[in-house]
Amino acid sequence: MANSSVKQAKKSHWSNLEERGSVVGMRVLFSFYRLVGRRILWLVLFPVVCYLYLVNKVARQASLDFLNKAANYQQGNQEKVSFWHGLKLHCSFADSAFDKLDAWLGKITKHDIDYIDRDGIKELTEKKQGGIFIGSHLGNLEVCRALNTLNNETVINVLVFTENAVKFNQLLERVNNKVTVNLIEVSDMGPGLAVALKEKVEQGEAIVIVGDRTSISIGGRVIYAPFLGEQAPFAQGPFILAALLECPIYWIFCIKSKGRFKLIFEHVTDKLALPRKHRQQVLQGIVEKYAQRLSFYAVKYPYQWFNFYDFWQKDEQVSRTEINGESK
C-alpha cells in the first residue's frame, strides 16, 4: 500500500483518534472530582470541553455529520443542526464521565435504573446460563457494569480493544477497592479466545462486547449495513464470536433519560448458526438487525452517541500493524 494511503488510514481509524490523552485526563478528573465534587468540577470543565470542541476539527465535524444524519433520518424533523448542537453532544459525553464515577462510587443505585425486558435476563440468571450481550458506544454501559459488579450479581467479562480501556479500569480500582472487573483485552477474534469464552459462558457468565467498532488489527473484515440511511461498516468479529459461543444473544443499551437510566435488554436469538453455504447471508442479516436497532436508539437519543469519528468511512483492507508501524 502506498505511504499516503497508510497515513490516511492511520489518521482516520477510530483506534488512533480515541487513544490520545484519555488516561491522563481521567486521572486528573478523578482527583478533582474527589476534591470539589461534581457541580464545581463541571464549572471548571466546561471551558475545557469548549476548547477541545473548537480545536478538534475531526471530532467536531464527525459530531455534526452524525447529528445531521440522525435529524434527517427522522421523518418530518425540520430542526437544523448547528455548531451549538455539536457542543451539546460533547458536553453530554463529558457528563457521562461523571456518571461513570458516580456508578463506581455507589452514588447511582438500582433505584435509579428502569429495567426493560429484565424478565428474560432473570430467567437466564436463574438457569445459571451464560450469554453474549452486544452493546455499543451509544449511552453508558459502564453504569450497568458498575451496578452489576458492586452488587455481586452475574460475572461479567468485558472484551476491550485498547490498552487505555485496561488502564482506565485500573484507575477505577483505585477509586473503589470493591471494584473487580473482568476485562479481556483482544486484538483479534482467534479460536483460542472463543474456546476460553465458551468455557465462561458454560459456567453461567456473561460476555459483553460492542458491535459498533471495526477491527484494530486487520481492515476489511466488515459487513456494510444501513445505519441512519447510509451504508456503514460493522466488524464481523462480535457476531462470529456470538455464533461460536452457541448461547443466547442479546442487544444491550444503557440510556440516560430525565435523570434516570434505562437498561434495555433485547433478546435476539437463543443460538446463532452459521452454516457454511449461507454464512455470509446469515452474518449480513444479523448485522443489519443490529444496525437497525442502533439506528432506532441513536435517533431517539442522539446526544448520547459517543463515536467521535467518521462512522461511515470505508474500512480498507489494510493491516493495522502496518498502520501503527508507520507512526514509529
Protein backbone atom coordinates (compact mmCIF):
# COMPACT_ATOMS: atom_id res chain seq x y z
CA MET A 1 0.00 0.00 0.00
CA ALA A 2 1.28 3.49 -0.77
CA ASN A 3 2.60 5.51 2.17
CA SER A 4 -0.01 8.21 1.66
CA SER A 5 -2.84 5.66 1.91
CA VAL A 6 -1.37 4.15 5.05
CA LYS A 7 -1.06 7.58 6.64
CA GLN A 8 -4.64 8.42 5.75
CA ALA A 9 -5.88 5.15 7.27
CA LYS A 10 -3.83 5.85 10.37
CA LYS A 11 -5.36 9.31 10.78
CA SER A 12 -8.96 8.23 10.26
CA HIS A 13 -9.32 4.92 12.10
CA TRP A 14 -11.12 5.22 15.44
CA SER A 15 -8.41 3.49 17.48
CA ASN A 16 -5.84 6.15 16.58
CA LEU A 17 -8.21 9.02 17.28
CA GLU A 18 -9.56 7.84 20.63
CA GLU A 19 -6.33 6.96 22.44
CA ARG A 20 -4.98 10.48 22.76
CA GLY A 21 -4.57 11.59 26.37
CA SER A 22 -7.63 9.85 27.75
CA VAL A 23 -5.93 8.06 30.66
CA VAL A 24 -4.15 11.17 31.90
CA GLY A 25 -7.37 13.11 31.58
CA MET A 26 -9.33 10.58 33.59
CA ARG A 27 -6.68 10.54 36.34
CA VAL A 28 -6.94 14.32 36.68
CA LEU A 29 -10.73 14.08 36.57
CA PHE A 30 -10.77 11.54 39.42
CA SER A 31 -8.59 13.75 41.61
CA PHE A 32 -10.64 16.91 41.14
CA TYR A 33 -13.90 15.02 41.44
CA ARG A 34 -12.98 13.77 44.90
CA LEU A 35 -11.72 17.20 45.93
CA VAL A 36 -14.51 19.54 44.81
CA GLY A 37 -17.48 17.39 43.74
CA ARG A 38 -19.48 17.17 40.52
CA ARG A 39 -21.11 20.61 40.26
CA ILE A 40 -17.99 22.65 40.89
CA LEU A 41 -15.90 20.45 38.66
CA TRP A 42 -18.38 20.98 35.83
CA LEU A 43 -17.83 24.74 36.09
CA VAL A 44 -14.11 24.15 35.68
CA LEU A 45 -14.53 21.52 32.98
CA PHE A 46 -16.94 23.39 30.73
CA PRO A 47 -14.34 25.78 29.25
CA VAL A 48 -12.07 22.78 28.66
CA VAL A 49 -14.81 20.96 26.76
CA CYS A 50 -15.47 24.09 24.69
CA TYR A 51 -11.77 24.42 23.88
CA LEU A 52 -11.40 20.79 22.85
CA TYR A 53 -14.53 21.05 20.72
CA LEU A 54 -13.09 24.09 18.94
CA VAL A 55 -9.61 22.69 18.26
CA ASN A 56 -10.53 19.10 17.40
CA LYS A 57 -11.85 19.53 13.89
CA VAL A 58 -12.22 15.78 13.25
CA ALA A 59 -14.40 15.16 16.31
CA ARG A 60 -16.41 18.36 15.75
CA GLN A 61 -17.17 17.54 12.13
CA ALA A 62 -17.99 13.92 12.97
CA SER A 63 -20.44 15.08 15.65
CA LEU A 64 -22.20 17.47 13.30
CA ASP A 65 -22.34 14.88 10.50
CA PHE A 66 -23.90 12.34 12.85
CA LEU A 67 -26.45 14.81 14.23
CA ASN A 68 -27.42 15.84 10.70
CA LYS A 69 -27.92 12.23 9.63
CA ALA A 70 -29.92 11.46 12.78
CA ALA A 71 -32.14 14.52 12.21
CA ASN A 72 -32.68 13.71 8.53
CA TYR A 73 -33.48 10.10 9.36
CA GLN A 74 -36.49 11.23 11.35
CA GLN A 75 -39.40 11.90 9.05
CA GLY A 76 -40.75 15.40 9.48
CA ASN A 77 -37.84 16.65 11.59
CA GLN A 78 -37.10 20.19 10.40
CA GLU A 79 -34.51 21.07 13.03
CA LYS A 80 -31.28 22.46 11.60
CA VAL A 81 -28.11 21.20 13.22
CA SER A 82 -25.73 23.96 14.21
CA PHE A 83 -22.33 24.41 15.85
CA TRP A 84 -24.07 24.52 19.24
CA HIS A 85 -25.73 21.15 18.79
CA GLY A 86 -22.30 19.60 18.37
CA LEU A 87 -21.10 21.32 21.55
CA LYS A 88 -24.11 19.93 23.39
CA LEU A 89 -23.13 16.41 22.31
CA HIS A 90 -19.57 16.93 23.59
CA CYS A 91 -20.91 18.24 26.91
CA SER A 92 -23.10 15.15 27.15
CA PHE A 93 -20.02 12.98 26.66
CA ALA A 94 -18.17 14.82 29.43
CA ASP A 95 -21.18 14.45 31.70
CA SER A 96 -21.22 10.70 31.05
CA ALA A 97 -17.76 10.51 32.62
CA PHE A 98 -19.26 11.81 35.87
CA ASP A 99 -21.99 9.18 35.64
CA LYS A 100 -19.30 6.51 35.36
CA LEU A 101 -17.64 7.80 38.50
CA ASP A 102 -20.94 8.03 40.37
CA ALA A 103 -21.78 4.47 39.39
CA TRP A 104 -18.47 3.04 40.59
CA LEU A 105 -18.64 5.08 43.80
CA GLY A 106 -22.11 3.73 44.54
CA LYS A 107 -23.87 7.06 44.08
CA ILE A 108 -26.03 5.52 41.35
CA THR A 109 -28.04 2.57 42.65
CA LYS A 110 -30.60 0.09 41.36
CA HIS A 111 -33.30 2.58 42.34
CA ASP A 112 -32.02 4.88 39.59
CA ILE A 113 -32.47 2.20 36.92
CA ASP A 114 -35.51 1.31 34.85
CA TYR A 115 -35.10 -2.22 33.54
CA ILE A 116 -36.59 -3.06 30.16
CA ASP A 117 -37.16 -6.78 29.42
CA ARG A 118 -35.46 -7.80 32.65
CA ASP A 119 -37.57 -10.96 32.96
CA GLY A 120 -35.64 -12.64 30.17
CA ILE A 121 -32.35 -11.86 31.93
CA LYS A 122 -33.68 -13.10 35.27
CA GLU A 123 -34.64 -16.38 33.64
CA LEU A 124 -31.13 -16.63 32.20
CA THR A 125 -29.63 -16.00 35.64
CA GLU A 126 -31.91 -18.49 37.39
CA LYS A 127 -30.89 -21.17 34.91
CA LYS A 128 -27.24 -20.20 35.51
CA GLN A 129 -26.87 -19.94 31.77
CA GLY A 130 -24.39 -17.55 30.21
CA GLY A 131 -24.98 -15.32 27.22
CA ILE A 132 -23.38 -12.72 25.00
CA PHE A 133 -24.53 -9.11 25.16
CA ILE A 134 -23.69 -6.90 22.21
CA GLY A 135 -23.66 -3.23 23.11
CA SER A 136 -22.37 -0.01 21.59
CA HIS A 137 -20.95 3.43 22.30
CA LEU A 138 -24.48 4.80 22.49
CA GLY A 139 -25.33 5.58 26.10
CA ASN A 140 -23.30 4.46 29.10
CA LEU A 141 -22.79 0.71 29.56
CA GLU A 142 -20.30 1.48 32.33
CA VAL A 143 -23.21 2.30 34.65
CA CYS A 144 -24.74 -1.13 34.02
CA ARG A 145 -21.41 -2.87 34.58
CA ALA A 146 -20.68 -0.99 37.80
CA LEU A 147 -24.05 -1.81 39.35
CA ASN A 148 -23.73 -5.47 38.47
CA THR A 149 -20.17 -5.74 39.80
CA LEU A 150 -20.75 -3.89 43.06
CA ASN A 151 -23.88 -5.96 43.80
CA ASN A 152 -22.09 -9.27 43.18
CA GLU A 153 -24.51 -10.44 40.53
CA THR A 154 -23.67 -12.38 37.36
CA VAL A 155 -19.97 -12.44 36.48
CA ILE A 156 -19.42 -10.09 33.54
CA ASN A 157 -16.47 -10.42 31.17
CA VAL A 158 -15.92 -7.35 29.03
CA LEU A 159 -13.95 -7.59 25.80
CA VAL A 160 -11.94 -4.41 25.18
CA PHE A 161 -9.86 -3.43 22.19
CA THR A 162 -7.44 -0.82 23.50
CA GLU A 163 -4.82 -0.67 26.23
CA ASN A 164 -6.37 2.56 27.50
CA ALA A 165 -9.55 0.69 28.44
CA VAL A 166 -7.49 -1.57 30.70
CA LYS A 167 -5.68 1.39 32.26
CA PHE A 168 -8.99 3.15 32.84
CA ASN A 169 -10.28 0.21 34.84
CA GLN A 170 -7.07 0.13 36.88
CA LEU A 171 -7.90 3.71 37.85
CA LEU A 172 -11.41 2.62 38.84
CA GLU A 173 -9.91 0.11 41.25
CA ARG A 174 -8.12 3.00 42.96
CA VAL A 175 -11.39 4.88 43.26
CA ASN A 176 -13.23 1.93 44.81
CA ASN A 177 -11.35 -1.07 46.15
CA LYS A 178 -14.50 -3.19 45.77
CA VAL A 179 -14.15 -2.96 42.01
CA THR A 180 -13.20 -6.28 40.46
CA VAL A 181 -13.52 -6.01 36.72
CA ASN A 182 -13.03 -8.95 34.38
CA LEU A 183 -11.51 -7.33 31.33
CA ILE A 184 -10.18 -9.29 28.39
CA GLU A 185 -8.03 -7.25 26.04
CA VAL A 186 -8.25 -8.56 22.49
CA SER A 187 -6.63 -7.56 19.24
CA ASP A 188 -8.21 -10.28 17.10
CA MET A 189 -11.01 -12.84 17.39
CA GLY A 190 -8.92 -16.01 17.29
CA PRO A 191 -10.04 -19.61 18.04
CA GLY A 192 -8.20 -19.60 21.39
CA LEU A 193 -10.27 -16.68 22.60
CA ALA A 194 -13.50 -18.36 21.51
CA VAL A 195 -12.64 -21.54 23.46
CA ALA A 196 -11.83 -19.57 26.63
CA LEU A 197 -15.02 -17.55 26.40
CA LYS A 198 -17.16 -20.62 25.69
CA GLU A 199 -15.95 -22.08 29.00
CA LYS A 200 -17.02 -18.91 30.79
CA VAL A 201 -20.47 -18.99 29.17
CA GLU A 202 -20.92 -22.62 30.17
CA GLN A 203 -20.20 -21.55 33.76
CA GLY A 204 -23.08 -19.07 33.58
CA GLU A 205 -21.01 -15.95 32.98
CA ALA A 206 -21.87 -13.09 30.65
CA ILE A 207 -19.76 -11.81 27.77
CA VAL A 208 -20.12 -8.14 26.80
CA ILE A 209 -18.73 -6.75 23.56
CA VAL A 210 -19.53 -3.68 21.48
CA GLY A 211 -20.63 -4.13 17.89
CA ASP A 212 -20.01 -0.60 16.62
CA ARG A 213 -16.22 -0.59 16.28
CA THR A 214 -14.22 -2.10 13.42
CA SER A 215 -11.11 -4.24 13.94
CA ILE A 216 -7.96 -2.55 15.26
CA SER A 217 -5.72 -5.21 13.73
CA ILE A 218 -6.99 -6.03 10.23
CA GLY A 219 -9.08 -3.85 7.97
CA GLY A 220 -11.72 -5.06 5.55
CA ARG A 221 -13.27 -7.67 7.86
CA VAL A 222 -16.54 -5.82 7.90
CA ILE A 223 -20.12 -6.06 6.77
CA TYR A 224 -21.79 -2.94 5.44
CA ALA A 225 -25.30 -2.31 6.71
CA PRO A 226 -27.70 0.66 6.60
CA PHE A 227 -27.22 2.94 9.59
CA LEU A 228 -29.26 6.17 9.65
CA GLY A 229 -29.95 5.71 5.97
CA GLU A 230 -26.36 5.18 4.77
CA GLN A 231 -24.12 2.15 4.49
CA ALA A 232 -21.69 1.89 7.41
CA PRO A 233 -19.01 -0.75 8.19
CA PHE A 234 -19.57 -3.09 11.14
CA ALA A 235 -16.98 -5.60 12.29
CA GLN A 236 -17.80 -9.26 11.67
CA GLY A 237 -15.91 -10.40 14.78
CA PRO A 238 -18.54 -9.85 17.51
CA PHE A 239 -21.20 -11.66 15.51
CA ILE A 240 -18.97 -14.58 14.52
CA LEU A 241 -17.98 -14.88 18.19
CA ALA A 242 -21.66 -14.92 19.18
CA ALA A 243 -22.20 -17.88 16.84
CA LEU A 244 -19.15 -19.75 18.15
CA LEU A 245 -20.32 -19.42 21.76
CA GLU A 246 -23.62 -21.16 20.92
CA CYS A 247 -25.51 -19.24 23.60
CA PRO A 248 -28.35 -16.70 23.87
CA ILE A 249 -27.63 -13.35 22.24
CA TYR A 250 -28.97 -10.00 23.46
CA TRP A 251 -28.62 -6.40 22.38
CA ILE A 252 -27.94 -4.20 25.40
CA PHE A 253 -28.29 -0.42 25.79
CA CYS A 254 -27.98 1.78 28.86
CA ILE A 255 -29.55 5.16 28.12
CA LYS A 256 -29.90 8.18 30.39
CA SER A 257 -33.34 9.76 30.34
CA LYS A 258 -34.64 12.51 32.63
CA GLY A 259 -32.02 11.85 35.28
CA ARG A 260 -32.61 8.09 35.30
CA PHE A 261 -31.10 5.22 33.35
CA LYS A 262 -32.92 2.82 31.06
CA LEU A 263 -31.22 -0.56 30.95
CA ILE A 264 -32.57 -2.20 27.82
CA PHE A 265 -32.21 -5.89 27.00
CA GLU A 266 -33.43 -7.17 23.65
CA HIS A 267 -33.37 -10.90 23.04
CA VAL A 268 -32.07 -11.67 19.56
CA THR A 269 -31.86 -15.45 19.41
CA ASP A 270 -31.13 -18.44 21.64
CA LYS A 271 -28.36 -19.56 19.30
CA LEU A 272 -26.87 -18.21 16.08
CA ALA A 273 -25.92 -20.82 13.48
CA LEU A 274 -23.60 -20.01 10.57
CA PRO A 275 -23.99 -22.81 8.01
CA ARG A 276 -21.12 -22.84 5.54
CA LYS A 277 -23.29 -22.35 2.45
CA HIS A 278 -25.22 -19.42 3.91
CA ARG A 279 -22.64 -17.97 6.31
CA GLN A 280 -22.37 -14.57 4.64
CA GLN A 281 -26.12 -14.20 4.27
CA VAL A 282 -26.73 -15.00 7.93
CA LEU A 283 -23.99 -12.60 9.03
CA GLN A 284 -25.44 -9.89 6.80
CA GLY A 285 -28.86 -10.42 8.34
CA ILE A 286 -27.72 -10.31 11.98
CA VAL A 287 -25.56 -7.23 11.40
CA GLU A 288 -28.45 -5.46 9.69
CA LYS A 289 -30.67 -6.25 12.69
CA TYR A 290 -28.07 -4.74 15.00
CA ALA A 291 -27.64 -1.65 12.81
CA GLN A 292 -31.41 -1.17 12.68
CA ARG A 293 -31.74 -1.18 16.49
CA LEU A 294 -28.71 1.05 16.83
CA SER A 295 -30.34 3.47 14.38
CA PHE A 296 -33.59 3.38 16.36
CA TYR A 297 -31.98 4.34 19.66
CA ALA A 298 -29.45 6.73 18.10
CA VAL A 299 -32.29 8.79 16.64
CA LYS A 300 -34.18 8.68 19.92
CA TYR A 301 -31.14 9.68 22.00
CA PRO A 302 -28.76 11.48 19.59
CA TYR A 303 -26.88 13.32 22.32
CA GLN A 304 -25.68 10.04 23.76
CA TRP A 305 -23.79 8.98 20.64
CA PHE A 306 -20.13 8.79 21.68
CA ASN A 307 -18.32 7.83 18.47
CA PHE A 308 -16.35 10.95 17.56
CA TYR A 309 -15.06 9.93 14.15
CA ASP A 310 -16.48 9.38 10.68
CA PHE A 311 -18.59 6.31 11.40
CA TRP A 312 -19.43 5.80 7.72
CA GLN A 313 -15.86 5.85 6.37
CA LYS A 314 -14.80 2.88 4.26
CA ASP A 315 -12.87 0.24 6.16
CA GLU A 316 -9.94 -0.53 3.86
CA GLN A 317 -8.19 -3.88 3.69
CA VAL A 318 -5.04 -2.63 5.36
CA SER A 319 -3.13 -4.21 8.21
CA ARG A 320 -3.43 -2.12 11.38
CA THR A 321 0.08 -3.35 12.22
CA GLU A 322 1.28 -1.64 9.08
CA ILE A 323 -0.59 1.50 10.10
CA ASN A 324 0.87 1.53 13.59
CA GLY A 325 4.33 0.79 12.25
CA GLU A 326 4.10 3.88 10.07
CA SER A 327 3.88 6.07 13.16
CA LYS A 328 7.03 4.68 14.82
